[in-house]
PDB file of all heavy atoms in Angstrom:
ATOM      1  N   GLU A   1      -7.053   3.153  -4.185  1.00  0.00           N
ATOM      2  CA  GLU A   1      -7.542   1.764  -4.539  1.00  0.00           C
ATOM      3  C   GLU A   1      -6.724   0.764  -4.023  1.00  0.00           C
ATOM      4  O   GLU A   1      -7.245  -0.163  -3.192  1.00  0.00           O
ATOM      5  CB  GLU A   1      -7.597   1.678  -6.098  1.00  0.00           C
ATOM      6  CG  GLU A   1      -8.418   0.470  -6.623  1.00  0.00           C
ATOM      7  CD  GLU A   1      -7.622  -0.892  -6.535  1.00  0.00           C
ATOM      8  OE1 GLU A   1      -6.390  -0.822  -6.754  1.00  0.00           O
ATOM      9  OE2 GLU A   1      -8.298  -1.794  -6.118  1.00  0.00           O
ATOM     10  N   SER A   2      -5.439   0.721  -4.126  1.00  0.00           N
ATOM     11  CA  SER A   2      -4.460  -0.095  -3.392  1.00  0.00           C
ATOM     12  C   SER A   2      -3.091   0.571  -3.493  1.00  0.00           C
ATOM     13  O   SER A   2      -2.793   1.345  -4.355  1.00  0.00           O
ATOM     14  CB  SER A   2      -4.311  -1.458  -4.074  1.00  0.00           C
ATOM     15  OG  SER A   2      -4.115  -1.356  -5.430  1.00  0.00           O
ATOM     16  N   TYR A   3      -2.354   0.289  -2.501  1.00  0.00           N
ATOM     17  CA  TYR A   3      -0.976   1.088  -2.417  1.00  0.00           C
ATOM     18  C   TYR A   3       0.025   0.097  -2.082  1.00  0.00           C
ATOM     19  O   TYR A   3      -0.153  -1.044  -1.588  1.00  0.00           O
ATOM     20  CB  TYR A   3      -1.179   2.082  -1.287  1.00  0.00           C
ATOM     21  CG  TYR A   3      -1.786   1.489   0.121  1.00  0.00           C
ATOM     22  CD1 TYR A   3      -0.874   1.000   1.037  1.00  0.00           C
ATOM     23  CD2 TYR A   3      -3.062   1.631   0.400  1.00  0.00           C
ATOM     24  CE1 TYR A   3      -1.212   0.534   2.220  1.00  0.00           C
ATOM     25  CE2 TYR A   3      -3.595   1.123   1.573  1.00  0.00           C
ATOM     26  CZ  TYR A   3      -2.666   0.529   2.470  1.00  0.00           C
ATOM     27  OH  TYR A   3      -3.163  -0.088   3.694  1.00  0.00           O
ATOM     28  N   TRP A   4       1.298   0.519  -2.345  1.00  0.00           N
ATOM     29  CA  TRP A   4       2.432  -0.259  -2.200  1.00  0.00           C
ATOM     30  C   TRP A   4       2.982  -0.096  -0.721  1.00  0.00           C
ATOM     31  O   TRP A   4       3.349   1.051  -0.302  1.00  0.00           O
ATOM     32  CB  TRP A   4       3.524   0.064  -3.223  1.00  0.00           C
ATOM     33  CG  TRP A   4       4.679  -0.806  -3.169  1.00  0.00           C
ATOM     34  CD1 TRP A   4       6.017  -0.667  -2.649  1.00  0.00           C
ATOM     35  CD2 TRP A   4       4.641  -2.266  -3.593  1.00  0.00           C
ATOM     36  NE1 TRP A   4       6.823  -1.816  -2.910  1.00  0.00           N
ATOM     37  CE2 TRP A   4       6.102  -2.717  -3.553  1.00  0.00           C
ATOM     38  CE3 TRP A   4       3.787  -3.079  -4.241  1.00  0.00           C
ATOM     39  CZ2 TRP A   4       6.424  -4.049  -3.932  1.00  0.00           C
ATOM     40  CZ3 TRP A   4       4.149  -4.412  -4.698  1.00  0.00           C
ATOM     41  CH2 TRP A   4       5.475  -4.789  -4.448  1.00  0.00           C
ATOM     42  N   GLU A   5       2.865  -1.032   0.090  1.00  0.00           N
ATOM     43  CA  GLU A   5       3.231  -0.989   1.565  1.00  0.00           C
ATOM     44  C   GLU A   5       4.499  -1.799   1.888  1.00  0.00           C
ATOM     45  O   GLU A   5       4.673  -2.903   1.512  1.00  0.00           O
ATOM     46  CB  GLU A   5       2.088  -1.576   2.320  1.00  0.00           C
ATOM     47  CG  GLU A   5       2.218  -1.413   3.889  1.00  0.00           C
ATOM     48  CD  GLU A   5       1.112  -2.078   4.628  1.00  0.00           C
ATOM     49  OE1 GLU A   5       1.009  -3.202   4.840  1.00  0.00           O
ATOM     50  OE2 GLU A   5       0.190  -1.194   4.984  1.00  0.00           O
ATOM     51  N   ILE A   6       5.521  -1.072   2.416  1.00  0.00           N
ATOM     52  CA  ILE A   6       6.814  -1.567   2.675  1.00  0.00           C
ATOM     53  C   ILE A   6       6.997  -1.659   4.204  1.00  0.00           C
ATOM     54  O   ILE A   6       6.827  -0.696   4.969  1.00  0.00           O
ATOM     55  CB  ILE A   6       7.916  -0.642   2.047  1.00  0.00           C
ATOM     56  CG1 ILE A   6       7.554  -0.350   0.599  1.00  0.00           C
ATOM     57  CG2 ILE A   6       9.296  -1.303   2.190  1.00  0.00           C
ATOM     58  CD1 ILE A   6       8.313   0.849   0.073  1.00  0.00           C
ATOM     59  N   PRO A   7       7.534  -2.847   4.649  1.00  0.00           N
ATOM     60  CA  PRO A   7       7.726  -2.871   6.071  1.00  0.00           C
ATOM     61  C   PRO A   7       8.895  -1.919   6.521  1.00  0.00           C
ATOM     62  O   PRO A   7       9.780  -1.658   5.782  1.00  0.00           O
ATOM     63  CB  PRO A   7       8.403  -4.321   6.229  1.00  0.00           C
ATOM     64  CG  PRO A   7       7.849  -5.139   5.107  1.00  0.00           C
ATOM     65  CD  PRO A   7       7.667  -3.974   3.990  1.00  0.00           C
ATOM     66  N   TYR A   8       8.646  -1.094   7.599  1.00  0.00           N
ATOM     67  CA  TYR A   8       9.509   0.029   8.022  1.00  0.00           C
ATOM     68  C   TYR A   8      10.907  -0.566   8.204  1.00  0.00           C
ATOM     69  O   TYR A   8      11.063  -1.625   8.872  1.00  0.00           O
ATOM     70  CB  TYR A   8       9.015   0.656   9.244  1.00  0.00           C
ATOM     71  CG  TYR A   8       9.875   1.581   9.838  1.00  0.00           C
ATOM     72  CD1 TYR A   8      10.119   2.808   9.111  1.00  0.00           C
ATOM     73  CD2 TYR A   8      10.487   1.470  11.063  1.00  0.00           C
ATOM     74  CE1 TYR A   8      11.063   3.758   9.607  1.00  0.00           C
ATOM     75  CE2 TYR A   8      11.299   2.489  11.589  1.00  0.00           C
ATOM     76  CZ  TYR A   8      11.557   3.603  10.879  1.00  0.00           C
ATOM     77  OH  TYR A   8      12.408   4.517  11.418  1.00  0.00           O
ATOM     78  N   GLY A   9      11.842   0.018   7.741  1.00  0.00           N
ATOM     79  CA  GLY A   9      13.352  -0.320   7.826  1.00  0.00           C
ATOM     80  C   GLY A   9      13.712  -1.244   6.804  1.00  0.00           C
ATOM     81  O   GLY A   9      14.990  -1.658   6.781  1.00  0.00           O
ATOM     82  N   SER A  10      12.957  -1.657   5.790  1.00  0.00           N
ATOM     83  CA  SER A  10      13.401  -2.460   4.672  1.00  0.00           C
ATOM     84  C   SER A  10      14.455  -1.806   3.842  1.00  0.00           C
ATOM     85  O   SER A  10      14.542  -0.527   3.770  1.00  0.00           O
ATOM     86  CB  SER A  10      12.203  -2.781   3.702  1.00  0.00           C
ATOM     87  OG  SER A  10      11.309  -3.623   4.435  1.00  0.00           O
ATOM     88  N   PRO A  11      15.473  -2.530   3.346  1.00  0.00           N
ATOM     89  CA  PRO A  11      16.477  -1.823   2.640  1.00  0.00           C
ATOM     90  C   PRO A  11      16.119  -1.163   1.333  1.00  0.00           C
ATOM     91  O   PRO A  11      16.700  -0.200   0.941  1.00  0.00           O
ATOM     92  CB  PRO A  11      17.486  -2.991   2.334  1.00  0.00           C
ATOM     93  CG  PRO A  11      16.665  -4.225   2.421  1.00  0.00           C
ATOM     94  CD  PRO A  11      15.641  -3.946   3.490  1.00  0.00           C
ATOM     95  N   ASP A  12      14.960  -1.627   0.786  1.00  0.00           N
ATOM     96  CA  ASP A  12      14.539  -0.920  -0.425  1.00  0.00           C
ATOM     97  C   ASP A  12      12.943  -1.294  -0.576  1.00  0.00           C
ATOM     98  O   ASP A  12      12.571  -2.120   0.174  1.00  0.00           O
ATOM     99  CB  ASP A  12      15.298  -1.243  -1.676  1.00  0.00           C
ATOM    100  CG  ASP A  12      15.384  -2.750  -1.924  1.00  0.00           C
ATOM    101  OD1 ASP A  12      14.271  -3.364  -2.276  1.00  0.00           O
ATOM    102  OD2 ASP A  12      16.435  -3.308  -1.851  1.00  0.00           O
ATOM    103  N   ALA A  13      12.437  -0.704  -1.532  1.00  0.00           N
ATOM    104  CA  ALA A  13      10.938  -0.862  -1.789  1.00  0.00           C
ATOM    105  C   ALA A  13      10.491  -2.140  -2.357  1.00  0.00           C
ATOM    106  O   ALA A  13       9.430  -2.623  -2.388  1.00  0.00           O
ATOM    107  CB  ALA A  13      10.525   0.217  -2.769  1.00  0.00           C
ATOM    108  N   SER A  14      11.546  -3.050  -2.906  1.00  0.00           N
ATOM    109  CA  SER A  14      11.101  -4.288  -3.405  1.00  0.00           C
ATOM    110  C   SER A  14      10.628  -5.208  -2.271  1.00  0.00           C
ATOM    111  O   SER A  14      10.061  -6.332  -2.635  1.00  0.00           O
ATOM    112  CB  SER A  14      12.477  -5.023  -4.062  1.00  0.00           C
ATOM    113  OG  SER A  14      13.401  -5.347  -3.055  1.00  0.00           O
ATOM    114  N   PHE A  15      10.771  -4.893  -1.156  1.00  0.00           N
ATOM    115  CA  PHE A  15      10.192  -5.771   0.067  1.00  0.00           C
ATOM    116  C   PHE A  15       8.754  -5.554   0.286  1.00  0.00           C
ATOM    117  O   PHE A  15       8.117  -6.130   1.154  1.00  0.00           O
ATOM    118  CB  PHE A  15      11.006  -5.497   1.306  1.00  0.00           C
ATOM    119  CG  PHE A  15      12.429  -6.132   1.288  1.00  0.00           C
ATOM    120  CD1 PHE A  15      13.456  -5.377   0.571  1.00  0.00           C
ATOM    121  CD2 PHE A  15      12.709  -7.402   1.793  1.00  0.00           C
ATOM    122  CE1 PHE A  15      14.727  -5.887   0.512  1.00  0.00           C
ATOM    123  CE2 PHE A  15      14.007  -7.891   1.637  1.00  0.00           C
ATOM    124  CZ  PHE A  15      15.034  -7.084   1.085  1.00  0.00           C
ATOM    125  N   GLY A  16       8.194  -4.598  -0.421  1.00  0.00           N
ATOM    126  CA  GLY A  16       6.666  -4.373  -0.176  1.00  0.00           C
ATOM    127  C   GLY A  16       5.697  -5.201  -0.846  1.00  0.00           C
ATOM    128  O   GLY A  16       6.128  -6.200  -1.555  1.00  0.00           O
ATOM    129  N   LYS A  17       4.478  -4.937  -0.694  1.00  0.00           N
ATOM    130  CA  LYS A  17       3.335  -5.639  -1.302  1.00  0.00           C
ATOM    131  C   LYS A  17       2.188  -4.645  -1.495  1.00  0.00           C
ATOM    132  O   LYS A  17       2.175  -3.514  -0.816  1.00  0.00           O
ATOM    133  CB  LYS A  17       2.961  -6.744  -0.302  1.00  0.00           C
ATOM    134  CG  LYS A  17       2.399  -6.267   1.000  1.00  0.00           C
ATOM    135  CD  LYS A  17       1.997  -7.445   1.890  1.00  0.00           C
ATOM    136  CE  LYS A  17       1.391  -6.907   3.187  1.00  0.00           C
ATOM    137  NZ  LYS A  17       0.953  -8.092   4.125  1.00  0.00           N
ATOM    138  N   TRP A  18       1.255  -5.193  -2.363  1.00  0.00           N
ATOM    139  CA  TRP A  18       0.099  -4.234  -2.606  1.00  0.00           C
ATOM    140  C   TRP A  18      -1.040  -4.594  -1.486  1.00  0.00           C
ATOM    141  O   TRP A  18      -1.205  -5.702  -0.989  1.00  0.00           O
ATOM    142  CB  TRP A  18      -0.537  -4.617  -3.970  1.00  0.00           C
ATOM    143  CG  TRP A  18       0.210  -4.228  -5.095  1.00  0.00           C
ATOM    144  CD1 TRP A  18       0.881  -4.881  -5.985  1.00  0.00           C
ATOM    145  CD2 TRP A  18       0.304  -2.772  -5.536  1.00  0.00           C
ATOM    146  NE1 TRP A  18       1.503  -4.044  -7.027  1.00  0.00           N
ATOM    147  CE2 TRP A  18       1.106  -2.750  -6.710  1.00  0.00           C
ATOM    148  CE3 TRP A  18      -0.281  -1.570  -5.084  1.00  0.00           C
ATOM    149  CZ2 TRP A  18       1.396  -1.533  -7.412  1.00  0.00           C
ATOM    150  CZ3 TRP A  18       0.029  -0.396  -5.685  1.00  0.00           C
ATOM    151  CH2 TRP A  18       0.853  -0.345  -6.932  1.00  0.00           C
ATOM    152  N   VAL A  19      -1.543  -3.554  -0.940  1.00  0.00           N
ATOM    153  CA  VAL A  19      -2.638  -3.591   0.132  1.00  0.00           C
ATOM    154  C   VAL A  19      -3.777  -2.725  -0.379  1.00  0.00           C
ATOM    155  O   VAL A  19      -3.699  -1.635  -0.872  1.00  0.00           O
ATOM    156  CB  VAL A  19      -1.982  -3.031   1.504  1.00  0.00           C
ATOM    157  CG1 VAL A  19      -3.097  -3.126   2.452  1.00  0.00           C
ATOM    158  CG2 VAL A  19      -0.902  -3.951   1.888  1.00  0.00           C
ATOM    159  N   GLN A  20      -4.923  -3.224  -0.101  1.00  0.00           N
ATOM    160  CA  GLN A  20      -6.194  -2.650  -0.487  1.00  0.00           C
ATOM    161  C   GLN A  20      -6.420  -1.311   0.278  1.00  0.00           C
ATOM    162  O   GLN A  20      -6.222  -1.288   1.447  1.00  0.00           O
ATOM    163  CB  GLN A  20      -7.401  -3.582  -0.261  1.00  0.00           C
ATOM    164  CG  GLN A  20      -8.681  -3.149  -0.897  1.00  0.00           C
ATOM    165  CD  GLN A  20      -8.581  -3.489  -2.443  1.00  0.00           C
ATOM    166  OE1 GLN A  20      -7.975  -4.422  -2.870  1.00  0.00           O
ATOM    167  NE2 GLN A  20      -9.147  -2.575  -3.183  1.00  0.00           N
ATOM    168  N   GLY A  21      -6.731  -0.320  -0.511  1.00  0.00           N
ATOM    169  CA  GLY A  21      -7.066   1.077   0.070  1.00  0.00           C
ATOM    170  C   GLY A  21      -8.546   1.191   0.276  1.00  0.00           C
ATOM    171  O   GLY A  21      -9.408   0.163   0.135  1.00  0.00           O
ATOM    172  N   PRO A  22      -9.060   2.337   0.695  1.00  0.00           N
ATOM    173  CA  PRO A  22     -10.470   2.587   0.950  1.00  0.00           C
ATOM    174  C   PRO A  22     -11.452   2.481  -0.250  1.00  0.00           C
ATOM    175  O   PRO A  22     -12.663   2.323  -0.063  1.00  0.00           O
ATOM    176  CB  PRO A  22     -10.425   3.941   1.560  1.00  0.00           C
ATOM    177  CG  PRO A  22      -9.292   4.593   0.922  1.00  0.00           C
ATOM    178  CD  PRO A  22      -8.231   3.627   0.736  1.00  0.00           C
ATOM    179  N   GLY A  23     -10.936   2.593  -1.449  1.00  0.00           N
ATOM    180  CA  GLY A  23     -11.722   2.500  -2.666  1.00  0.00           C
ATOM    181  C   GLY A  23     -12.724   3.619  -2.831  1.00  0.00           C
ATOM    182  O   GLY A  23     -12.722   4.715  -2.236  1.00  0.00           O
ATOM    183  N   ILE A  24     -13.663   3.290  -3.723  1.00  0.00           N
ATOM    184  CA  ILE A  24     -14.662   4.262  -4.076  1.00  0.00           C
ATOM    185  C   ILE A  24     -15.571   4.754  -2.887  1.00  0.00           C
ATOM    186  O   ILE A  24     -15.999   5.920  -2.973  1.00  0.00           O
ATOM    187  CB  ILE A  24     -15.571   3.679  -5.247  1.00  0.00           C
ATOM    188  CG1 ILE A  24     -16.472   4.768  -5.887  1.00  0.00           C
ATOM    189  CG2 ILE A  24     -16.362   2.583  -4.779  1.00  0.00           C
ATOM    190  CD1 ILE A  24     -15.755   5.988  -6.437  1.00  0.00           C
ATOM    191  N   ALA A  25     -15.710   3.905  -1.898  1.00  0.00           N
ATOM    192  CA  ALA A  25     -16.549   4.341  -0.844  1.00  0.00           C
ATOM    193  C   ALA A  25     -15.881   5.596  -0.184  1.00  0.00           C
ATOM    194  O   ALA A  25     -16.721   6.442   0.482  1.00  0.00           O
ATOM    195  CB  ALA A  25     -16.479   3.202   0.284  1.00  0.00           C
ATOM    196  N   PHE A  26     -14.661   5.821  -0.185  1.00  0.00           N
ATOM    197  CA  PHE A  26     -14.008   7.082   0.241  1.00  0.00           C
ATOM    198  C   PHE A  26     -14.452   8.173  -0.403  1.00  0.00           C
ATOM    199  O   PHE A  26     -14.773   9.263   0.268  1.00  0.00           O
ATOM    200  CB  PHE A  26     -12.480   6.821   0.236  1.00  0.00           C
ATOM    201  CG  PHE A  26     -11.741   8.102   0.587  1.00  0.00           C
ATOM    202  CD1 PHE A  26     -11.593   8.434   1.876  1.00  0.00           C
ATOM    203  CD2 PHE A  26     -10.974   8.738  -0.290  1.00  0.00           C
ATOM    204  CE1 PHE A  26     -10.854   9.764   2.212  1.00  0.00           C
ATOM    205  CE2 PHE A  26     -10.226   9.854  -0.078  1.00  0.00           C
ATOM    206  CZ  PHE A  26     -10.238  10.389   1.187  1.00  0.00           C
ATOM    207  N   PHE A  27     -14.481   8.197  -1.714  1.00  0.00           N
ATOM    208  CA  PHE A  27     -14.872   9.330  -2.546  1.00  0.00           C
ATOM    209  C   PHE A  27     -16.436   9.481  -2.325  1.00  0.00           C
ATOM    210  O   PHE A  27     -16.835  10.695  -2.585  1.00  0.00           O
ATOM    211  CB  PHE A  27     -14.444   9.074  -4.017  1.00  0.00           C
ATOM    212  CG  PHE A  27     -12.913   8.967  -4.131  1.00  0.00           C
ATOM    213  CD1 PHE A  27     -12.174   7.828  -4.242  1.00  0.00           C
ATOM    214  CD2 PHE A  27     -12.012  10.124  -3.882  1.00  0.00           C
ATOM    215  CE1 PHE A  27     -10.900   7.702  -4.403  1.00  0.00           C
ATOM    216  CE2 PHE A  27     -10.718  10.157  -3.873  1.00  0.00           C
ATOM    217  CZ  PHE A  27     -10.167   8.906  -4.146  1.00  0.00           C
ATOM    218  N   GLU A  28     -17.144   8.419  -2.346  1.00  0.00           N
ATOM    219  CA  GLU A  28     -18.654   8.652  -2.062  1.00  0.00           C
ATOM    220  C   GLU A  28     -18.912   9.375  -0.793  1.00  0.00           C
ATOM    221  O   GLU A  28     -19.752  10.248  -0.763  1.00  0.00           O
ATOM    222  CB  GLU A  28     -19.240   7.272  -2.069  1.00  0.00           C
ATOM    223  CG  GLU A  28     -19.254   6.590  -3.478  1.00  0.00           C
ATOM    224  CD  GLU A  28     -19.772   5.206  -3.354  1.00  0.00           C
ATOM    225  OE1 GLU A  28     -19.798   4.603  -2.311  1.00  0.00           O
ATOM    226  OE2 GLU A  28     -20.043   4.697  -4.483  1.00  0.00           O
TER     227      GLU A  28
END
């Protein structure tokens, strides 16, 4: 549905953000 995406090389996961995933269309 949405996933936590972190810029590669960031010191930790707090630098990430939520990004929309493929959603129900994928399972359909």
